[in-house]
Amino acid sequence: MDSLMCQDLLGRPMRIMFSQRDPTLRTTGVGNIFIKGLASSIDGASLYDCFSIFGKILSCKAVCDAHGSKGYGFVHFATFEAAEKAIKALDGMLLDDQLV
């Protein structure tokens, strides 16, 4: 999974994650955070690398177009505690010379 994550497939980066059979994890929003203020150079791989130190990530996406990041993304952590830790540590910090 780690070696294929964000590799190009037909011109688009792959997002690889385990299948979530429990719909409550996806629908409750627990552990799901929204990140705004991303630099245009931030992609899914760099977002994953930045946030993975805080806990297990179920899903990670930097919203991009042909010019790079659109300035926002989503990270879904397995636990609320990991999401809280990431928010407290990164809120207002510089990520690739851009205030997040």
PDB file of N, CA and C in Angstrom:
ATOM      1  N   MET A   1       0.818  -1.195   0.000  1.00  0.00           N
ATOM      2  CA  MET A   1       0.000   0.000   0.000  1.00  0.00           C
ATOM      3  C   MET A   1       0.860   1.256   0.000  1.00  0.00           C
ATOM      4  N   ASP A   2       1.896   1.273   0.824  1.00  0.00           N
ATOM      5  CA  ASP A   2       2.728   2.469   0.917  1.00  0.00           C
ATOM      6  C   ASP A   2       3.475   2.753  -0.379  1.00  0.00           C
ATOM      7  N   SER A   3       3.914   1.710  -1.078  1.00  0.00           N
ATOM      8  CA  SER A   3       4.682   1.943  -2.299  1.00  0.00           C
ATOM      9  C   SER A   3       3.800   2.412  -3.462  1.00  0.00           C
ATOM     10  N   LEU A   4       2.516   2.071  -3.463  1.00  0.00           N
ATOM     11  CA  LEU A   4       1.627   2.477  -4.550  1.00  0.00           C
ATOM     12  C   LEU A   4       0.828   3.742  -4.258  1.00  0.00           C
ATOM     13  N   MET A   5       0.760   4.147  -3.004  1.00  0.00           N
ATOM     14  CA  MET A   5      -0.022   5.323  -2.632  1.00  0.00           C
ATOM     15  C   MET A   5       0.465   6.540  -3.400  1.00  0.00           C
ATOM     16  N   CYS A   6      -0.447   7.214  -4.082  1.00  0.00           N
ATOM     17  CA  CYS A   6      -0.207   8.457  -4.825  1.00  0.00           C
ATOM     18  C   CYS A   6       0.654   8.280  -6.072  1.00  0.00           C
ATOM     19  N   GLN A   7       0.914   7.051  -6.497  1.00  0.00           N
ATOM     20  CA  GLN A   7       1.593   6.816  -7.768  1.00  0.00           C
ATOM     21  C   GLN A   7       0.615   7.095  -8.896  1.00  0.00           C
ATOM     22  N   ASP A   8       1.116   7.569 -10.033  1.00  0.00           N
ATOM     23  CA  ASP A   8       0.248   7.871 -11.166  1.00  0.00           C
ATOM     24  C   ASP A   8      -0.268   6.613 -11.837  1.00  0.00           C
ATOM     25  N   LEU A   9      -1.547   6.607 -12.146  1.00  0.00           N
ATOM     26  CA  LEU A   9      -2.194   5.550 -12.915  1.00  0.00           C
ATOM     27  C   LEU A   9      -3.091   6.242 -13.928  1.00  0.00           C
ATOM     28  N   LEU A  10      -2.709   6.153 -15.175  1.00  0.00           N
ATOM     29  CA  LEU A  10      -3.446   6.815 -16.258  1.00  0.00           C
ATOM     30  C   LEU A  10      -3.566   8.324 -16.022  1.00  0.00           C
ATOM     31  N   GLY A  11      -2.487   8.906 -15.507  1.00  0.00           N
ATOM     32  CA  GLY A  11      -2.439  10.350 -15.317  1.00  0.00           C
ATOM     33  C   GLY A  11      -3.076  10.867 -14.043  1.00  0.00           C
ATOM     34  N   ARG A  12      -3.541   9.973 -13.179  1.00  0.00           N
ATOM     35  CA  ARG A  12      -4.164  10.392 -11.920  1.00  0.00           C
ATOM     36  C   ARG A  12      -3.506   9.662 -10.760  1.00  0.00           C
ATOM     37  N   PRO A  13      -3.331  10.338  -9.600  1.00  0.00           N
ATOM     38  CA  PRO A  13      -2.712   9.673  -8.453  1.00  0.00           C
ATOM     39  C   PRO A  13      -3.663   8.662  -7.814  1.00  0.00           C
ATOM     40  N   MET A  14      -3.121   7.504  -7.445  1.00  0.00           N
ATOM     41  CA  MET A  14      -3.928   6.465  -6.797  1.00  0.00           C
ATOM     42  C   MET A  14      -4.089   6.772  -5.318  1.00  0.00           C
ATOM     43  N   ARG A  15      -5.260   6.481  -4.779  1.00  0.00           N
ATOM     44  CA  ARG A  15      -5.528   6.523  -3.343  1.00  0.00           C
ATOM     45  C   ARG A  15      -5.855   5.100  -2.937  1.00  0.00           C
ATOM     46  N   ILE A  16      -5.006   4.495  -2.134  1.00  0.00           N
ATOM     47  CA  ILE A  16      -5.178   3.105  -1.742  1.00  0.00           C
ATOM     48  C   ILE A  16      -5.405   3.050  -0.247  1.00  0.00           C
ATOM     49  N   MET A  17      -6.483   2.371   0.140  1.00  0.00           N
ATOM     50  CA  MET A  17      -6.785   2.226   1.563  1.00  0.00           C
ATOM     51  C   MET A  17      -7.572   0.935   1.766  1.00  0.00           C
ATOM     52  N   PHE A  18      -7.646   0.480   2.983  1.00  0.00           N
ATOM     53  CA  PHE A  18      -8.425  -0.703   3.296  1.00  0.00           C
ATOM     54  C   PHE A  18      -9.902  -0.399   3.131  1.00  0.00           C
ATOM     55  N   SER A  19     -10.654  -1.383   2.706  1.00  0.00           N
ATOM     56  CA  SER A  19     -12.096  -1.243   2.561  1.00  0.00           C
ATOM     57  C   SER A  19     -12.725  -1.132   3.944  1.00  0.00           C
ATOM     58  N   GLN A  20     -13.607  -0.153   4.121  1.00  0.00           N
ATOM     59  CA  GLN A  20     -14.309   0.022   5.388  1.00  0.00           C
ATOM     60  C   GLN A  20     -15.697  -0.591   5.276  1.00  0.00           C
ATOM     61  N   ARG A  21     -15.908  -1.719   5.897  1.00  0.00           N
ATOM     62  CA  ARG A  21     -17.200  -2.382   5.854  1.00  0.00           C
ATOM     63  C   ARG A  21     -18.186  -1.799   6.857  1.00  0.00           C
ATOM     64  N   ASP A  22     -17.673  -1.125   7.865  1.00  0.00           N
ATOM     65  CA  ASP A  22     -18.527  -0.530   8.888  1.00  0.00           C
ATOM     66  C   ASP A  22     -18.936   0.876   8.442  1.00  0.00           C
ATOM     67  N   PRO A  23     -20.185   1.079   8.019  1.00  0.00           N
ATOM     68  CA  PRO A  23     -20.584   2.394   7.509  1.00  0.00           C
ATOM     69  C   PRO A  23     -20.598   3.488   8.568  1.00  0.00           C
ATOM     70  N   THR A  24     -20.636   3.126   9.841  1.00  0.00           N
ATOM     71  CA  THR A  24     -20.658   4.158  10.879  1.00  0.00           C
ATOM     72  C   THR A  24     -19.349   4.934  10.915  1.00  0.00           C
ATOM     73  N   LEU A  25     -18.229   4.290  10.550  1.00  0.00           N
ATOM     74  CA  LEU A  25     -16.955   5.006  10.508  1.00  0.00           C
ATOM     75  C   LEU A  25     -16.976   6.103   9.458  1.00  0.00           C
ATOM     76  N   ARG A  26     -17.636   5.844   8.342  1.00  0.00           N
ATOM     77  CA  ARG A  26     -17.675   6.824   7.255  1.00  0.00           C
ATOM     78  C   ARG A  26     -18.720   7.907   7.495  1.00  0.00           C
ATOM     79  N   THR A  27     -19.818   7.574   8.127  1.00  0.00           N
ATOM     80  CA  THR A  27     -20.925   8.519   8.217  1.00  0.00           C
ATOM     81  C   THR A  27     -20.927   9.375   9.478  1.00  0.00           C
ATOM     82  N   THR A  28     -20.267   8.954  10.543  1.00  0.00           N
ATOM     83  CA  THR A  28     -20.296   9.736  11.775  1.00  0.00           C
ATOM     84  C   THR A  28     -19.407  10.965  11.708  1.00  0.00           C
ATOM     85  N   GLY A  29     -18.363  10.915  10.899  1.00  0.00           N
ATOM     86  CA  GLY A  29     -17.448  12.051  10.799  1.00  0.00           C
ATOM     87  C   GLY A  29     -16.436  12.106  11.915  1.00  0.00           C
ATOM     88  N   VAL A  30     -16.442  11.141  12.812  1.00  0.00           N
ATOM     89  CA  VAL A  30     -15.485  11.123  13.920  1.00  0.00           C
ATOM     90  C   VAL A  30     -14.083  10.903  13.351  1.00  0.00           C
ATOM     91  N   GLY A  31     -13.187  11.798  13.664  1.00  0.00           N
ATOM     92  CA  GLY A  31     -11.811  11.694  13.199  1.00  0.00           C
ATOM     93  C   GLY A  31     -11.580  12.311  11.836  1.00  0.00           C
ATOM     94  N   ASN A  32     -12.601  12.887  11.225  1.00  0.00           N
ATOM     95  CA  ASN A  32     -12.473  13.475   9.893  1.00  0.00           C
ATOM     96  C   ASN A  32     -12.221  14.971  10.035  1.00  0.00           C
ATOM     97  N   ILE A  33     -11.116  15.446   9.452  1.00  0.00           N
ATOM     98  CA  ILE A  33     -10.800  16.871   9.553  1.00  0.00           C
ATOM     99  C   ILE A  33     -10.657  17.482   8.159  1.00  0.00           C
ATOM    100  N   PHE A  34     -10.953  18.759   8.085  1.00  0.00           N
ATOM    101  CA  PHE A  34     -10.864  19.548   6.872  1.00  0.00           C
ATOM    102  C   PHE A  34      -9.677  20.477   7.023  1.00  0.00           C
ATOM    103  N   ILE A  35      -8.813  20.535   6.013  1.00  0.00           N
ATOM    104  CA  ILE A  35      -7.630  21.385   6.064  1.00  0.00           C
ATOM    105  C   ILE A  35      -7.750  22.415   4.952  1.00  0.00           C
ATOM    106  N   LYS A  36      -7.622  23.687   5.283  1.00  0.00           N
ATOM    107  CA  LYS A  36      -7.647  24.729   4.261  1.00  0.00           C
ATOM    108  C   LYS A  36      -6.357  25.530   4.329  1.00  0.00           C
ATOM    109  N   GLY A  37      -6.081  26.237   3.273  1.00  0.00           N
ATOM    110  CA  GLY A  37      -4.869  27.048   3.213  1.00  0.00           C
ATOM    111  C   GLY A  37      -3.666  26.268   2.721  1.00  0.00           C
ATOM    112  N   LEU A  38      -3.884  25.181   1.986  1.00  0.00           N
ATOM    113  CA  LEU A  38      -2.764  24.390   1.481  1.00  0.00           C
ATOM    114  C   LEU A  38      -2.108  25.076   0.290  1.00  0.00           C
ATOM    115  N   ALA A  39      -0.804  24.970   0.198  1.00  0.00           N
ATOM    116  CA  ALA A  39      -0.073  25.507  -0.952  1.00  0.00           C
ATOM    117  C   ALA A  39      -0.402  24.677  -2.190  1.00  0.00           C
ATOM    118  N   SER A  40      -0.242  25.261  -3.359  1.00  0.00           N
ATOM    119  CA  SER A  40      -0.570  24.547  -4.599  1.00  0.00           C
ATOM    120  C   SER A  40       0.368  23.368  -4.843  1.00  0.00           C
ATOM    121  N   SER A  41       1.501  23.329  -4.167  1.00  0.00           N
ATOM    122  CA  SER A  41       2.454  22.230  -4.344  1.00  0.00           C
ATOM    123  C   SER A  41       2.103  20.998  -3.505  1.00  0.00           C
ATOM    124  N   ILE A  42       1.152  21.117  -2.582  1.00  0.00           N
ATOM    125  CA  ILE A  42       0.777  19.999  -1.708  1.00  0.00           C
ATOM    126  C   ILE A  42      -0.087  19.013  -2.480  1.00  0.00           C
ATOM    127  N   ASP A  43       0.312  17.744  -2.432  1.00  0.00           N
ATOM    128  CA  ASP A  43      -0.489  16.686  -3.052  1.00  0.00           C
ATOM    129  C   ASP A  43      -0.892  15.686  -1.967  1.00  0.00           C
ATOM    130  N   GLY A  44      -1.570  14.630  -2.370  1.00  0.00           N
ATOM    131  CA  GLY A  44      -2.045  13.639  -1.409  1.00  0.00           C
ATOM    132  C   GLY A  44      -0.926  12.974  -0.629  1.00  0.00           C
ATOM    133  N   ALA A  45       0.186  12.697  -1.300  1.00  0.00           N
ATOM    134  CA  ALA A  45       1.311  12.032  -0.634  1.00  0.00           C
ATOM    135  C   ALA A  45       1.922  12.918   0.442  1.00  0.00           C
ATOM    136  N   SER A  46       2.125  14.192   0.142  1.00  0.00           N
ATOM    137  CA  SER A  46       2.729  15.072   1.144  1.00  0.00           C
ATOM    138  C   SER A  46       1.761  15.350   2.290  1.00  0.00           C
ATOM    139  N   LEU A  47       0.464  15.407   1.986  1.00  0.00           N
ATOM    140  CA  LEU A  47      -0.534  15.574   3.045  1.00  0.00           C
ATOM    141  C   LEU A  47      -0.537  14.348   3.962  1.00  0.00           C
ATOM    142  N   TYR A  48      -0.484  13.164   3.371  1.00  0.00           N
ATOM    143  CA  TYR A  48      -0.438  11.922   4.141  1.00  0.00           C
ATOM    144  C   TYR A  48       0.810  11.884   5.016  1.00  0.00           C
ATOM    145  N   ASP A  49       1.965  12.232   4.451  1.00  0.00           N
ATOM    146  CA  ASP A  49       3.216  12.218   5.212  1.00  0.00           C
ATOM    147  C   ASP A  49       3.170  13.187   6.382  1.00  0.00           C
ATOM    148  N   CYS A  50       2.579  14.339   6.169  1.00  0.00           N
ATOM    149  CA  CYS A  50       2.509  15.355   7.224  1.00  0.00           C
ATOM    150  C   CYS A  50       1.611  14.922   8.372  1.00  0.00           C
ATOM    151  N   PHE A  51       0.481  14.282   8.062  1.00  0.00           N
ATOM    152  CA  PHE A  51      -0.505  13.963   9.092  1.00  0.00           C
ATOM    153  C   PHE A  51      -0.368  12.561   9.675  1.00  0.00           C
ATOM    154  N   SER A  52       0.387  11.679   9.038  1.00  0.00           N
ATOM    155  CA  SER A  52       0.472  10.293   9.516  1.00  0.00           C
ATOM    156  C   SER A  52       1.187  10.163  10.853  1.00  0.00           C
ATOM    157  N   ILE A  53       1.945  11.157  11.259  1.00  0.00           N
ATOM    158  CA  ILE A  53       2.645  11.076  12.544  1.00  0.00           C
ATOM    159  C   ILE A  53       1.685  11.179  13.731  1.00  0.00           C
ATOM    160  N   PHE A  54       0.442  11.611  13.491  1.00  0.00           N
ATOM    161  CA  PHE A  54      -0.512  11.805  14.576  1.00  0.00           C
ATOM    162  C   PHE A  54      -1.393  10.594  14.850  1.00  0.00           C
ATOM    163  N   GLY A  55      -1.418   9.631  13.934  1.00  0.00           N
ATOM    164  CA  GLY A  55      -2.231   8.438  14.142  1.00  0.00           C
ATOM    165  C   GLY A  55      -2.553   7.744  12.833  1.00  0.00           C
ATOM    166  N   LYS A  56      -3.297   6.665  12.959  1.00  0.00           N
ATOM    167  CA  LYS A  56      -3.665   5.870  11.792  1.00  0.00           C
ATOM    168  C   LYS A  56      -4.650   6.638  10.912  1.00  0.00           C
ATOM    169  N   ILE A  57      -4.315   6.760   9.631  1.00  0.00           N
ATOM    170  CA  ILE A  57      -5.158   7.475   8.670  1.00  0.00           C
ATOM    171  C   ILE A  57      -5.977   6.469   7.884  1.00  0.00           C
ATOM    172  N   LEU A  58      -7.293   6.684   7.865  1.00  0.00           N
ATOM    173  CA  LEU A  58      -8.181   5.831   7.077  1.00  0.00           C
ATOM    174  C   LEU A  58      -8.292   6.330   5.645  1.00  0.00           C
ATOM    175  N   SER A  59      -8.272   7.638   5.457  1.00  0.00           N
ATOM    176  CA  SER A  59      -8.398   8.235   4.137  1.00  0.00           C
ATOM    177  C   SER A  59      -7.745   9.604   4.152  1.00  0.00           C
ATOM    178  N   CYS A  60      -7.141   9.963   3.030  1.00  0.00           N
ATOM    179  CA  CYS A  60      -6.456  11.240   2.936  1.00  0.00           C
ATOM    180  C   CYS A  60      -6.567  11.736   1.497  1.00  0.00           C
ATOM    181  N   LYS A  61      -6.954  13.003   1.330  1.00  0.00           N
ATOM    182  CA  LYS A  61      -7.089  13.546  -0.019  1.00  0.00           C
ATOM    183  C   LYS A  61      -6.815  15.037  -0.020  1.00  0.00           C
ATOM    184  N   ALA A  62      -5.908  15.441  -0.898  1.00  0.00           N
ATOM    185  CA  ALA A  62      -5.713  16.851  -1.200  1.00  0.00           C
ATOM    186  C   ALA A  62      -6.462  17.099  -2.504  1.00  0.00           C
ATOM    187  N   VAL A  63      -7.397  18.017  -2.500  1.00  0.00           N
ATOM    188  CA  VAL A  63      -8.197  18.288  -3.690  1.00  0.00           C
ATOM    189  C   VAL A  63      -7.342  19.081  -4.672  1.00  0.00           C
ATOM    190  N   CYS A  64      -7.162  18.520  -5.888  1.00  0.00           N
ATOM    191  CA  CYS A  64      -6.262  19.097  -6.880  1.00  0.00           C
ATOM    192  C   CYS A  64      -6.957  19.252  -8.226  1.00  0.00           C
ATOM    193  N   ASP A  65      -6.401  20.152  -9.029  1.00  0.00           N
ATOM    194  CA  ASP A  65      -6.797  20.269 -10.426  1.00  0.00           C
ATOM    195  C   ASP A  65      -5.519  20.217 -11.263  1.00  0.00           C
ATOM    196  N   ALA A  66      -5.581  20.639 -12.515  1.00  0.00           N
ATOM    197  CA  ALA A  66      -4.423  20.559 -13.404  1.00  0.00           C
ATOM    198  C   ALA A  66      -3.263  21.446 -12.951  1.00  0.00           C
ATOM    199  N   HIS A  67      -3.522  22.447 -12.121  1.00  0.00           N
ATOM    200  CA  HIS A  67      -2.496  23.388 -11.679  1.00  0.00           C
ATOM    201  C   HIS A  67      -1.928  23.060 -10.309  1.00  0.00           C
ATOM    202  N   GLY A  68      -2.404  21.996  -9.677  1.00  0.00           N
ATOM    203  CA  GLY A  68      -1.936  21.623  -8.345  1.00  0.00           C
ATOM    204  C   GLY A  68      -3.068  21.651  -7.345  1.00  0.00           C
ATOM    205  N   SER A  69      -2.720  21.782  -6.092  1.00  0.00           N
ATOM    206  CA  SER A  69      -3.720  21.782  -5.026  1.00  0.00           C
ATOM    207  C   SER A  69      -4.662  22.966  -5.162  1.00  0.00           C
ATOM    208  N   LYS A  70      -5.940  22.714  -4.873  1.00  0.00           N
ATOM    209  CA  LYS A  70      -6.928  23.795  -4.884  1.00  0.00           C
ATOM    210  C   LYS A  70      -6.956  24.533  -3.546  1.00  0.00           C
ATOM    211  N   GLY A  71      -6.089  24.133  -2.610  1.00  0.00           N
ATOM    212  CA  GLY A  71      -5.972  24.848  -1.346  1.00  0.00           C
ATOM    213  C   GLY A  71      -6.649  24.193  -0.164  1.00  0.00           C
ATOM    214  N   TYR A  72      -7.254  23.012  -0.373  1.00  0.00           N
ATOM    215  CA  TYR A  72      -7.888  22.341   0.755  1.00  0.00           C
ATOM    216  C   TYR A  72      -7.811  20.824   0.587  1.00  0.00           C
ATOM    217  N   GLY A  73      -8.070  20.130   1.687  1.00  0.00           N
ATOM    218  CA  GLY A  73      -8.025  18.670   1.665  1.00  0.00           C
ATOM    219  C   GLY A  73      -8.721  18.099   2.889  1.00  0.00           C
ATOM    220  N   PHE A  74      -8.749  16.783   2.950  1.00  0.00           N
ATOM    221  CA  PHE A  74      -9.416  16.060   4.025  1.00  0.00           C
ATOM    222  C   PHE A  74      -8.513  14.944   4.525  1.00  0.00           C
ATOM    223  N   VAL A  75      -8.517  14.733   5.823  1.00  0.00           N
ATOM    224  CA  VAL A  75      -7.820  13.604   6.431  1.00  0.00           C
ATOM    225  C   VAL A  75      -8.788  12.953   7.400  1.00  0.00           C
ATOM    226  N   HIS A  76      -8.989  11.649   7.246  1.00  0.00           N
ATOM    227  CA  HIS A  76      -9.887  10.911   8.136  1.00  0.00           C
ATOM    228  C   HIS A  76      -9.035   9.966   8.983  1.00  0.00           C
ATOM    229  N   PHE A  77      -8.958  10.263  10.268  1.00  0.00           N
ATOM    230  CA  PHE A  77      -8.208   9.449  11.219  1.00  0.00           C
ATOM    231  C   PHE A  77      -9.100   8.348  11.789  1.00  0.00           C
ATOM    232  N   ALA A  78      -8.481   7.296  12.274  1.00  0.00           N
ATOM    233  CA  ALA A  78      -9.216   6.181  12.868  1.00  0.00           C
ATOM    234  C   ALA A  78      -9.840   6.570  14.206  1.00  0.00           C
ATOM    235  N   THR A  79      -9.234   7.535  14.898  1.00  0.00           N
ATOM    236  CA  THR A  79      -9.745   7.926  16.212  1.00  0.00           C
ATOM    237  C   THR A  79      -9.907   9.438  16.314  1.00  0.00           C
ATOM    238  N   PHE A  80     -10.806   9.827  17.177  1.00  0.00           N
ATOM    239  CA  PHE A  80     -11.033  11.246  17.452  1.00  0.00           C
ATOM    240  C   PHE A  80      -9.785  11.867  18.077  1.00  0.00           C
ATOM    241  N   GLU A  81      -9.108  11.118  18.934  1.00  0.00           N
ATOM    242  CA  GLU A  81      -7.922  11.622  19.639  1.00  0.00           C
ATOM    243  C   GLU A  81      -6.810  11.997  18.657  1.00  0.00           C
ATOM    244  N   ALA A  82      -6.601  11.160  17.641  1.00  0.00           N
ATOM    245  CA  ALA A  82      -5.572  11.457  16.641  1.00  0.00           C
ATOM    246  C   ALA A  82      -5.917  12.720  15.869  1.00  0.00           C
ATOM    247  N   ALA A  83      -7.184  12.891  15.532  1.00  0.00           N
ATOM    248  CA  ALA A  83      -7.626  14.096  14.824  1.00  0.00           C
ATOM    249  C   ALA A  83      -7.424  15.333  15.694  1.00  0.00           C
ATOM    250  N   GLU A  84      -7.779  15.244  16.959  1.00  0.00           N
ATOM    251  CA  GLU A  84      -7.588  16.368  17.885  1.00  0.00           C
ATOM    252  C   GLU A  84      -6.115  16.736  18.006  1.00  0.00           C
ATOM    253  N   LYS A  85      -5.265  15.728  18.118  1.00  0.00           N
ATOM    254  CA  LYS A  85      -3.826  15.962  18.236  1.00  0.00           C
ATOM    255  C   LYS A  85      -3.296  16.675  16.987  1.00  0.00           C
ATOM    256  N   ALA A  86      -3.744  16.269  15.809  1.00  0.00           N
ATOM    257  CA  ALA A  86      -3.304  16.890  14.558  1.00  0.00           C
ATOM    258  C   ALA A  86      -3.784  18.334  14.471  1.00  0.00           C
ATOM    259  N   ILE A  87      -5.024  18.572  14.857  1.00  0.00           N
ATOM    260  CA  ILE A  87      -5.564  19.932  14.810  1.00  0.00           C
ATOM    261  C   ILE A  87      -4.787  20.856  15.742  1.00  0.00           C
ATOM    262  N   LYS A  88      -4.545  20.403  16.959  1.00  0.00           N
ATOM    263  CA  LYS A  88      -3.830  21.231  17.928  1.00  0.00           C
ATOM    264  C   LYS A  88      -2.396  21.511  17.491  1.00  0.00           C
ATOM    265  N   ALA A  89      -1.747  20.530  16.867  1.00  0.00           N
ATOM    266  CA  ALA A  89      -0.347  20.693  16.484  1.00  0.00           C
ATOM    267  C   ALA A  89      -0.178  21.534  15.220  1.00  0.00           C
ATOM    268  N   LEU A  90      -1.078  21.416  14.262  1.00  0.00           N
ATOM    269  CA  LEU A  90      -0.853  22.043  12.960  1.00  0.00           C
ATOM    270  C   LEU A  90      -1.690  23.289  12.693  1.00  0.00           C
ATOM    271  N   ASP A  91      -2.674  23.590  13.500  1.00  0.00           N
ATOM    272  CA  ASP A  91      -3.503  24.766  13.266  1.00  0.00           C
ATOM    273  C   ASP A  91      -2.658  26.028  13.353  1.00  0.00           C
ATOM    274  N   GLY A  92      -2.621  26.796  12.270  1.00  0.00           N
ATOM    275  CA  GLY A  92      -1.874  28.041  12.247  1.00  0.00           C
ATOM    276  C   GLY A  92      -0.403  27.901  11.936  1.00  0.00           C
ATOM    277  N   MET A  93       0.048  26.692  11.618  1.00  0.00           N
ATOM    278  CA  MET A  93       1.461  26.481  11.289  1.00  0.00           C
ATOM    279  C   MET A  93       1.693  26.674   9.798  1.00  0.00           C
ATOM    280  N   LEU A  94       2.958  26.827   9.427  1.00  0.00           N
ATOM    281  CA  LEU A  94       3.336  26.934   8.022  1.00  0.00           C
ATOM    282  C   LEU A  94       3.591  25.545   7.463  1.00  0.00           C
ATOM    283  N   LEU A  95       2.966  25.246   6.353  1.00  0.00           N
ATOM    284  CA  LEU A  95       3.192  23.995   5.637  1.00  0.00           C
ATOM    285  C   LEU A  95       3.546  24.363   4.212  1.00  0.00           C
ATOM    286  N   ASP A  96       4.793  24.132   3.837  1.00  0.00           N
ATOM    287  CA  ASP A  96       5.312  24.521   2.522  1.00  0.00           C
ATOM    288  C   ASP A  96       5.139  26.030   2.304  1.00  0.00           C
ATOM    289  N   ASP A  97       5.530  26.809   3.305  1.00  0.00           N
ATOM    290  CA  ASP A  97       5.472  28.273   3.301  1.00  0.00           C
ATOM    291  C   ASP A  97       4.065  28.846   3.141  1.00  0.00           C
ATOM    292  N   GLN A  98       3.054  28.100   3.565  1.00  0.00           N
ATOM    293  CA  GLN A  98       1.673  28.554   3.501  1.00  0.00           C
ATOM    294  C   GLN A  98       1.028  28.319   4.869  1.00  0.00           C
ATOM    295  N   LEU A  99       0.315  29.311   5.384  1.00  0.00           N
ATOM    296  CA  LEU A  99      -0.342  29.207   6.675  1.00  0.00           C
ATOM    297  C   LEU A  99      -1.551  28.277   6.580  1.00  0.00           C
ATOM    298  N   VAL A 100      -1.565  27.232   7.396  1.00  0.00           N
ATOM    299  CA  VAL A 100      -2.648  26.240   7.385  1.00  0.00           C
ATOM    300  C   VAL A 100      -3.595  26.523   8.530  1.00  0.00           C
TER     301      VAL A 100
END
